[in-house]
Amino acid sequence: MRASLRGLSLDVTLLGAMLGLVVVGFICLYSVTASGHQAMLTTGFGRQIVWFLMGSLAMTAILLFPMNVFYRGAYVFYGICVLLLVLVLFFSTGRVHRWIVVGGFQFQPSELAKVATLLALARYLSGKTETTLGWRRILGAASLALVPALLILKQPDVGTASVFIALLIVMLFWAGIGWKAVLLILLPFVALGAGFHPVSFFGLMVLLGVAMAILRPKWWMDLGLVSMCFGLGRLAPSLWHRLPSYQQQRIITFLGMRSDPHGAAYQVIQSKVAIGSGGILGKGFLQGSQTQLRFLPEQHTDFIFSVLGEEFGFIGVLIVLALFLILFRRTLHAATKSTRNGFASYTAMGCLSILAFQCVVNVGMSVGLLPVTGLPVPLLSYGGSCLLMSMILLGLVVNILGRRYTY
């Protein structure tokens, strides 16, 4: 089903799914704030509505311009966002350096950096002339993603930094590097994780040696990969001690190395209790005991999915997941139908990777399948910067779908 805006064909299915998710987010946010302090009701809930209006204006502005405008400005936008990530390290206050305050509103530059990095990668990869993606271009794309990721890691914000890694891998795979190259890219990160445990690290190095003997890559690739994995593995203990204590506790608890029901594991336990107690139909709007009695910390941001599960049950969860699947399907459709315009195709696939990754990680941590990372659910969780970023991404997708016949 389609409508039009100044001759641009609008994907009503995608826009309807987006609005449905935003409405669900407002309902859950109101439930969280209704029995709490009135200041939260008037500022938090109200500000989310203001951010939605700002996101709607941003989407409308995006739809007025063809994609070649974003192609030309991709590197400039990327440079501005990297500069903002540098500035936030020096001018934000508090233990973590993530927000810039503008006119009473807190703005998170890392959210805009996701969009900027996506556009920069789409322009860079769409400019390739070779039939296969060479290692020089792969390293160039990795540099574009790792610069903002490392700056965000410095804030520190491990969850948001991981989004850039997921974005890079999906974009490179869409560019045609194949599964073997993806595994080679992931291997250094696996080595970094295995470095925390000597036996696991030794086993990984043995497996790597066997794989190199079977695959027989070029000698410089063999030497470089082994050296990188060994170096990262040896570096892991020092990086571990640099992590904030709360992140260390989350990882240890998730791996089952320590039971801490009143500490690091408290959020996940309360989240699973909330979701499980919702049953099939849920306890009803404003009737969730875990939600209304504030047993679950950060339920308006990191654990908004738990609020949904408790008050609207399995049926409510299914409806929300179905709306997300509609968004992802339409975004994938935009990527596959725009292959004659490489930049548009890469942009749509990048939008899909960011939105899907955050959704999967948040839902996974809410039910205890993934460690708590602090990644919000797009369109649902409280947070103006995330809502604005999500609507900008979907605005790009609607733009691509509406103009795909003109490329």
Protein backbone atom coordinates (compact mmCIF):
# COMPACT_ATOMS: atom_id res chain seq x y z
CA MET A 1 0.00 0.00 0.00
CA ARG A 2 1.42 3.39 -0.98
CA ALA A 3 0.74 7.10 -0.65
CA SER A 4 2.65 10.04 -2.09
CA LEU A 5 4.46 13.17 -0.88
CA ARG A 6 5.29 15.68 -3.62
CA GLY A 7 5.51 12.88 -6.16
CA LEU A 8 7.47 10.56 -3.83
CA SER A 9 5.86 7.18 -3.32
CA LEU A 10 5.55 6.48 0.41
CA ASP A 11 5.65 2.94 1.79
CA VAL A 12 2.57 3.00 4.02
CA THR A 13 3.29 -0.53 5.32
CA LEU A 14 6.66 0.49 6.71
CA LEU A 15 5.37 3.80 8.08
CA GLY A 16 2.41 2.05 9.70
CA ALA A 17 4.66 -0.49 11.42
CA MET A 18 6.93 2.30 12.63
CA LEU A 19 4.04 4.32 14.06
CA GLY A 20 2.64 1.21 15.70
CA LEU A 21 5.95 0.58 17.50
CA VAL A 22 6.20 4.23 18.56
CA VAL A 23 2.68 4.09 20.03
CA VAL A 24 3.53 0.89 21.93
CA GLY A 25 6.64 2.62 23.23
CA PHE A 26 4.58 5.57 24.46
CA ILE A 27 2.12 3.23 26.18
CA CYS A 28 4.89 1.30 27.96
CA LEU A 29 6.69 4.51 28.90
CA TYR A 30 3.49 5.97 30.34
CA SER A 31 2.98 2.80 32.36
CA VAL A 32 6.48 3.11 33.77
CA THR A 33 6.10 6.77 34.70
CA ALA A 34 2.41 6.97 35.68
CA SER A 35 2.80 5.76 39.27
CA GLY A 36 6.18 7.37 39.74
CA HIS A 37 7.23 10.93 40.32
CA GLN A 38 5.10 13.46 38.42
CA ALA A 39 8.31 15.17 37.32
CA MET A 40 9.19 12.05 35.36
CA LEU A 41 5.73 12.01 33.80
CA THR A 42 5.92 15.62 32.70
CA THR A 43 9.59 15.64 31.62
CA GLY A 44 10.44 12.10 30.51
CA PHE A 45 7.20 11.21 28.76
CA GLY A 46 6.77 14.73 27.41
CA ARG A 47 10.31 14.92 26.11
CA GLN A 48 9.86 11.62 24.29
CA ILE A 49 6.89 13.14 22.45
CA VAL A 50 8.99 16.20 21.59
CA TRP A 51 11.75 13.94 20.24
CA PHE A 52 9.16 12.06 18.17
CA LEU A 53 8.02 15.34 16.62
CA MET A 54 11.65 16.23 15.89
CA GLY A 55 12.13 12.79 14.35
CA SER A 56 9.05 13.31 12.18
CA LEU A 57 10.48 16.61 10.92
CA ALA A 58 13.82 14.90 10.22
CA MET A 59 12.06 12.11 8.27
CA THR A 60 10.10 14.66 6.23
CA ALA A 61 13.29 16.59 5.43
CA ILE A 62 15.04 13.37 4.34
CA LEU A 63 12.18 12.50 1.99
CA LEU A 64 12.49 15.83 0.18
CA PHE A 65 15.99 15.08 -1.13
CA PRO A 66 17.20 12.37 -3.52
CA MET A 67 19.83 9.93 -2.27
CA ASN A 68 22.66 11.54 -4.25
CA VAL A 69 22.46 14.49 -1.80
CA PHE A 70 23.31 12.12 1.06
CA TYR A 71 25.99 10.51 -1.10
CA ARG A 72 27.75 13.84 -1.61
CA GLY A 73 27.53 14.84 2.04
CA ALA A 74 28.37 11.44 3.58
CA TYR A 75 32.05 12.13 4.38
CA VAL A 76 31.35 15.66 5.68
CA PHE A 77 28.62 14.34 7.99
CA TYR A 78 30.97 11.57 9.14
CA GLY A 79 33.71 14.07 9.95
CA ILE A 80 31.32 16.27 11.96
CA CYS A 81 30.11 13.30 14.01
CA VAL A 82 33.66 12.10 14.73
CA LEU A 83 34.48 15.63 15.92
CA LEU A 84 31.44 15.56 18.22
CA LEU A 85 32.59 12.21 19.65
CA VAL A 86 35.95 13.79 20.43
CA LEU A 87 34.37 16.88 21.99
CA VAL A 88 32.03 14.87 24.20
CA LEU A 89 35.05 13.26 25.87
CA PHE A 90 36.25 16.69 27.03
CA PHE A 91 33.10 18.73 27.62
CA SER A 92 30.59 16.30 29.12
CA THR A 93 30.42 15.94 32.87
CA GLY A 94 30.24 12.90 35.13
CA ARG A 95 31.89 9.49 35.22
CA VAL A 96 30.71 8.60 31.72
CA HIS A 97 31.10 10.95 28.75
CA ARG A 98 28.15 10.29 26.45
CA TRP A 99 25.89 13.33 26.33
CA ILE A 100 25.95 16.92 25.20
CA VAL A 101 23.34 19.20 26.76
CA VAL A 102 21.59 21.54 24.30
CA GLY A 103 18.78 23.80 25.52
CA GLY A 104 17.89 21.51 28.42
CA PHE A 105 17.87 18.39 26.21
CA GLN A 106 20.54 15.71 26.51
CA PHE A 107 21.85 14.65 23.13
CA GLN A 108 23.98 11.56 22.53
CA PRO A 109 26.40 12.08 19.58
CA SER A 110 27.05 8.34 19.30
CA GLU A 111 23.51 7.84 17.94
CA LEU A 112 24.09 10.26 15.06
CA ALA A 113 27.51 8.67 14.53
CA LYS A 114 25.74 5.42 13.65
CA VAL A 115 23.94 7.15 10.77
CA ALA A 116 27.09 9.00 9.68
CA THR A 117 29.24 5.85 9.69
CA LEU A 118 26.55 3.98 7.78
CA LEU A 119 26.45 6.64 5.04
CA ALA A 120 30.26 6.86 4.88
CA LEU A 121 30.57 3.07 4.54
CA ALA A 122 27.81 3.01 1.90
CA ARG A 123 29.62 5.66 -0.17
CA TYR A 124 33.01 4.00 0.27
CA LEU A 125 31.84 0.49 -0.64
CA SER A 126 29.62 1.65 -3.52
CA GLY A 127 32.67 3.23 -5.14
CA LYS A 128 34.50 -0.06 -5.64
CA THR A 129 35.30 -0.95 -9.24
CA GLU A 130 36.89 -4.35 -8.67
CA THR A 131 34.74 -7.48 -8.95
CA THR A 132 35.97 -8.88 -5.63
CA LEU A 133 36.54 -6.90 -2.47
CA GLY A 134 40.29 -6.68 -1.84
CA TRP A 135 41.92 -6.48 1.57
CA ARG A 136 42.94 -2.87 1.00
CA ARG A 137 39.31 -1.81 0.63
CA ILE A 138 38.29 -4.03 3.55
CA LEU A 139 40.86 -2.30 5.77
CA GLY A 140 39.61 1.09 4.56
CA ALA A 141 36.04 0.20 5.50
CA ALA A 142 37.21 -1.17 8.85
CA SER A 143 38.99 2.12 9.58
CA LEU A 144 35.78 4.09 8.95
CA ALA A 145 33.90 1.94 11.46
CA LEU A 146 36.63 1.54 14.09
CA VAL A 147 37.40 5.25 14.54
CA PRO A 148 33.95 6.09 16.02
CA ALA A 149 33.76 2.70 17.73
CA LEU A 150 37.01 3.32 19.64
CA LEU A 151 35.95 6.85 20.58
CA ILE A 152 32.65 5.49 21.93
CA LEU A 153 34.50 2.72 23.77
CA LYS A 154 36.45 5.47 25.51
CA GLN A 155 33.22 7.02 26.92
CA PRO A 156 32.84 4.07 27.97
CA ASP A 157 29.92 2.51 26.07
CA VAL A 158 30.69 -1.06 25.01
CA GLY A 159 27.15 -1.79 23.82
CA THR A 160 27.00 1.11 21.36
CA ALA A 161 30.54 0.41 20.15
CA SER A 162 29.49 -3.16 19.28
CA VAL A 163 26.84 -1.75 16.91
CA PHE A 164 29.60 -0.38 14.67
CA ILE A 165 31.28 -3.80 14.49
CA ALA A 166 27.98 -5.43 13.52
CA LEU A 167 27.38 -2.69 10.93
CA LEU A 168 30.84 -3.21 9.43
CA ILE A 169 30.47 -6.99 9.15
CA VAL A 170 27.01 -6.82 7.54
CA MET A 171 28.09 -4.12 5.07
CA LEU A 172 31.21 -6.07 4.06
CA PHE A 173 29.18 -9.24 3.63
CA TRP A 174 26.70 -7.32 1.45
CA ALA A 175 29.69 -6.14 -0.59
CA GLY A 176 30.50 -9.77 -1.34
CA ILE A 177 33.45 -10.78 0.84
CA GLY A 178 31.99 -14.20 1.68
CA TRP A 179 31.73 -16.20 4.89
CA LYS A 180 35.44 -17.08 5.10
CA ALA A 181 36.46 -13.43 5.12
CA VAL A 182 33.76 -12.66 7.70
CA LEU A 183 35.16 -15.38 9.96
CA LEU A 184 38.67 -14.01 9.51
CA ILE A 185 37.44 -10.56 10.52
CA LEU A 186 35.67 -11.96 13.58
CA LEU A 187 38.66 -14.06 14.62
CA PRO A 188 40.64 -11.25 16.31
CA PHE A 189 37.59 -10.40 18.46
CA VAL A 190 37.26 -14.08 19.39
CA ALA A 191 40.96 -14.10 20.30
CA LEU A 192 40.43 -11.04 22.48
CA GLY A 193 37.63 -12.82 24.34
CA ALA A 194 39.54 -16.10 24.64
CA GLY A 195 42.55 -14.24 26.04
CA PHE A 196 40.80 -13.95 29.39
CA HIS A 197 41.14 -17.72 29.85
CA PRO A 198 44.59 -19.29 29.15
CA VAL A 199 43.24 -22.74 28.23
CA SER A 200 40.67 -21.29 25.81
CA PHE A 201 43.32 -19.06 24.25
CA PHE A 202 45.70 -21.99 23.77
CA GLY A 203 42.93 -24.04 22.13
CA LEU A 204 42.04 -21.17 19.81
CA MET A 205 45.65 -20.77 18.67
CA VAL A 206 45.86 -24.52 17.96
CA LEU A 207 42.63 -24.39 15.92
CA LEU A 208 43.94 -21.33 14.07
CA GLY A 209 47.14 -23.18 13.17
CA VAL A 210 45.15 -26.16 11.85
CA ALA A 211 42.88 -23.84 9.83
CA MET A 212 45.87 -22.06 8.28
CA ALA A 213 47.40 -25.42 7.32
CA ILE A 214 44.15 -26.48 5.60
CA LEU A 215 43.24 -23.21 3.90
CA ARG A 216 46.83 -22.31 2.99
CA PRO A 217 46.43 -18.56 2.57
CA LYS A 218 49.26 -16.26 1.51
CA TRP A 219 52.19 -16.31 3.94
CA TRP A 220 51.81 -12.64 4.87
CA MET A 221 48.14 -13.18 5.70
CA ASP A 222 49.01 -16.24 7.78
CA LEU A 223 51.70 -14.38 9.71
CA GLY A 224 49.61 -11.23 10.17
CA LEU A 225 46.50 -13.06 11.40
CA VAL A 226 48.42 -15.24 13.87
CA SER A 227 50.37 -12.24 15.17
CA MET A 228 47.20 -10.17 15.58
CA CYS A 229 45.35 -12.92 17.43
CA PHE A 230 48.32 -13.61 19.68
CA GLY A 231 48.79 -9.91 20.44
CA LEU A 232 45.12 -9.34 21.24
CA GLY A 233 45.02 -12.45 23.41
CA ARG A 234 48.01 -11.22 25.43
CA LEU A 235 46.42 -7.77 25.66
CA ALA A 236 43.09 -9.08 27.01
CA PRO A 237 43.99 -9.14 30.75
CA SER A 238 45.06 -5.49 30.74
CA LEU A 239 41.89 -4.49 28.85
CA TRP A 240 39.81 -6.41 31.37
CA HIS A 241 41.17 -4.34 34.23
CA ARG A 242 40.30 -1.17 32.31
CA LEU A 243 36.60 -2.12 32.12
CA PRO A 244 34.34 -0.49 34.73
CA SER A 245 33.57 -2.85 37.61
CA TYR A 246 29.84 -3.02 36.75
CA GLN A 247 30.66 -4.26 33.23
CA GLN A 248 33.03 -6.89 34.64
CA GLN A 249 30.30 -8.10 37.00
CA ARG A 250 27.76 -8.31 34.15
CA ILE A 251 30.08 -10.46 32.03
CA ILE A 252 31.09 -12.74 34.93
CA THR A 253 27.47 -13.24 35.97
CA PHE A 254 26.30 -13.90 32.40
CA LEU A 255 29.01 -16.57 31.92
CA GLY A 256 27.82 -18.28 35.08
CA MET A 257 31.13 -17.79 36.85
CA ARG A 258 29.37 -16.11 39.80
CA SER A 259 25.85 -16.11 41.18
CA ASP A 260 24.89 -12.62 42.29
CA PRO A 261 21.08 -12.38 42.53
CA HIS A 262 21.21 -9.15 44.54
CA GLY A 263 23.91 -7.48 42.46
CA ALA A 264 24.92 -7.86 38.81
CA ALA A 265 22.26 -10.51 38.09
CA TYR A 266 19.44 -8.58 39.77
CA GLN A 267 18.24 -6.78 36.62
CA VAL A 268 18.10 -9.93 34.49
CA ILE A 269 16.34 -11.94 37.21
CA GLN A 270 13.68 -9.26 37.68
CA SER A 271 13.30 -8.92 33.90
CA LYS A 272 12.65 -12.65 33.47
CA VAL A 273 10.20 -12.61 36.40
CA ALA A 274 8.33 -9.71 34.79
CA ILE A 275 8.12 -11.35 31.37
CA GLY A 276 7.19 -14.75 32.78
CA SER A 277 4.48 -13.37 35.06
CA GLY A 278 2.74 -11.76 32.08
CA GLY A 279 1.56 -15.12 30.77
CA ILE A 280 -0.40 -15.23 27.52
CA LEU A 281 -2.53 -12.10 27.81
CA GLY A 282 -0.53 -10.09 30.36
CA LYS A 283 -1.59 -8.49 33.63
CA GLY A 284 -3.11 -5.49 31.91
CA PHE A 285 -2.17 -1.87 31.35
CA LEU A 286 -0.83 -0.27 34.57
CA GLN A 287 -1.30 -3.60 36.40
CA GLY A 288 2.21 -5.06 36.29
CA SER A 289 3.60 -5.51 39.80
CA GLN A 290 7.26 -5.58 38.72
CA THR A 291 6.69 -2.43 36.67
CA GLN A 292 4.51 -0.41 39.03
CA LEU A 293 6.46 -1.30 42.20
CA ARG A 294 9.80 -0.51 40.54
CA PHE A 295 11.43 -3.89 41.13
CA LEU A 296 13.19 -3.60 37.77
CA PRO A 297 15.79 -0.82 37.41
CA GLU A 298 16.13 1.07 34.11
CA GLN A 299 12.81 -0.36 32.91
CA HIS A 300 12.04 2.71 30.79
CA THR A 301 15.25 2.32 28.76
CA ASP A 302 17.16 -0.98 28.78
CA PHE A 303 14.24 -3.16 29.93
CA ILE A 304 11.19 -1.64 28.26
CA PHE A 305 10.63 -5.05 26.63
CA SER A 306 10.07 -6.52 30.11
CA VAL A 307 7.33 -3.97 30.75
CA LEU A 308 5.69 -5.03 27.50
CA GLY A 309 5.89 -8.72 28.41
CA GLU A 310 4.45 -8.26 31.89
CA GLU A 311 1.51 -6.00 31.08
CA PHE A 312 0.58 -7.26 27.60
CA GLY A 313 1.83 -10.84 27.77
CA PHE A 314 2.90 -13.21 25.03
CA ILE A 315 0.32 -11.81 22.61
CA GLY A 316 1.67 -8.27 23.03
CA VAL A 317 5.23 -9.48 22.52
CA LEU A 318 4.22 -11.34 19.36
CA ILE A 319 2.52 -8.25 17.94
CA VAL A 320 5.58 -6.08 18.59
CA LEU A 321 7.95 -8.66 17.10
CA ALA A 322 5.66 -8.93 14.07
CA LEU A 323 5.85 -5.15 13.60
CA PHE A 324 9.64 -5.32 13.78
CA LEU A 325 9.66 -8.14 11.22
CA ILE A 326 7.60 -5.97 8.87
CA LEU A 327 10.16 -3.16 9.26
CA PHE A 328 13.06 -5.53 8.63
CA ARG A 329 11.37 -7.15 5.64
CA ARG A 330 10.62 -3.80 3.99
CA THR A 331 14.17 -2.61 4.67
CA LEU A 332 15.63 -5.77 3.16
CA HIS A 333 13.30 -5.28 0.18
CA ALA A 334 14.74 -1.78 -0.26
CA ALA A 335 18.28 -3.18 -0.24
CA THR A 336 17.59 -5.95 -2.74
CA LYS A 337 15.52 -3.84 -5.14
CA SER A 338 18.05 -0.99 -5.28
CA THR A 339 21.06 -2.95 -6.48
CA ARG A 340 21.37 -0.74 -9.57
CA ASN A 341 22.23 2.08 -7.18
CA GLY A 342 24.99 0.75 -4.96
CA PHE A 343 24.86 3.59 -2.45
CA ALA A 344 21.12 3.17 -1.86
CA SER A 345 21.44 -0.60 -1.53
CA TYR A 346 24.29 -0.38 0.98
CA THR A 347 22.44 2.32 2.93
CA ALA A 348 19.31 0.18 3.27
CA MET A 349 21.34 -2.84 4.37
CA GLY A 350 23.18 -0.72 6.92
CA CYS A 351 19.87 0.55 8.31
CA LEU A 352 18.70 -3.04 8.64
CA SER A 353 21.89 -4.12 10.45
CA ILE A 354 21.69 -1.33 13.06
CA LEU A 355 17.99 -1.71 13.83
CA ALA A 356 18.00 -5.52 13.84
CA PHE A 357 21.18 -5.80 15.91
CA GLN A 358 19.87 -3.49 18.63
CA CYS A 359 16.50 -5.24 18.69
CA VAL A 360 18.02 -8.75 18.95
CA VAL A 361 20.56 -7.75 21.61
CA ASN A 362 17.98 -5.96 23.78
CA VAL A 363 15.44 -8.76 23.59
CA GLY A 364 18.22 -11.29 24.23
CA MET A 365 19.42 -9.53 27.37
CA SER A 366 15.83 -9.07 28.61
CA VAL A 367 15.30 -12.84 28.64
CA GLY A 368 18.81 -13.65 29.89
CA LEU A 369 20.25 -15.04 26.65
CA LEU A 370 22.77 -12.20 26.21
CA PRO A 371 24.73 -10.07 28.69
CA VAL A 372 23.33 -6.69 29.70
CA THR A 373 24.85 -4.10 27.34
CA GLY A 374 22.59 -1.10 27.74
CA LEU A 375 21.43 -1.06 24.11
CA PRO A 376 17.86 0.30 23.82
CA VAL A 377 15.11 -1.11 21.62
CA PRO A 378 14.66 1.14 18.57
CA LEU A 379 11.37 3.11 18.67
CA LEU A 380 10.32 1.59 22.02
CA SER A 381 12.85 2.57 24.68
CA TYR A 382 12.99 5.97 26.32
CA GLY A 383 15.76 8.08 24.83
CA GLY A 384 15.37 10.92 22.41
CA SER A 385 18.68 10.42 20.59
CA CYS A 386 17.89 6.76 19.88
CA LEU A 387 14.35 7.58 18.73
CA LEU A 388 15.65 10.33 16.44
CA MET A 389 18.34 8.01 15.03
CA SER A 390 15.81 5.23 14.37
CA MET A 391 13.43 7.57 12.56
CA ILE A 392 16.28 8.99 10.45
CA LEU A 393 17.26 5.46 9.42
CA LEU A 394 13.68 4.60 8.48
CA GLY A 395 13.37 7.90 6.64
CA LEU A 396 16.30 6.85 4.47
CA VAL A 397 14.63 3.49 3.81
CA VAL A 398 11.33 5.15 2.82
CA ASN A 399 13.29 7.50 0.55
CA ILE A 400 15.03 4.56 -1.14
CA LEU A 401 11.77 2.65 -1.62
CA GLY A 402 10.00 5.72 -2.98
CA ARG A 403 12.69 6.53 -5.54
CA ARG A 404 14.00 3.11 -6.51
CA TYR A 405 12.44 3.32 -9.99
CA THR A 406 14.29 6.58 -10.74
CA TYR A 407 17.80 5.17 -10.22
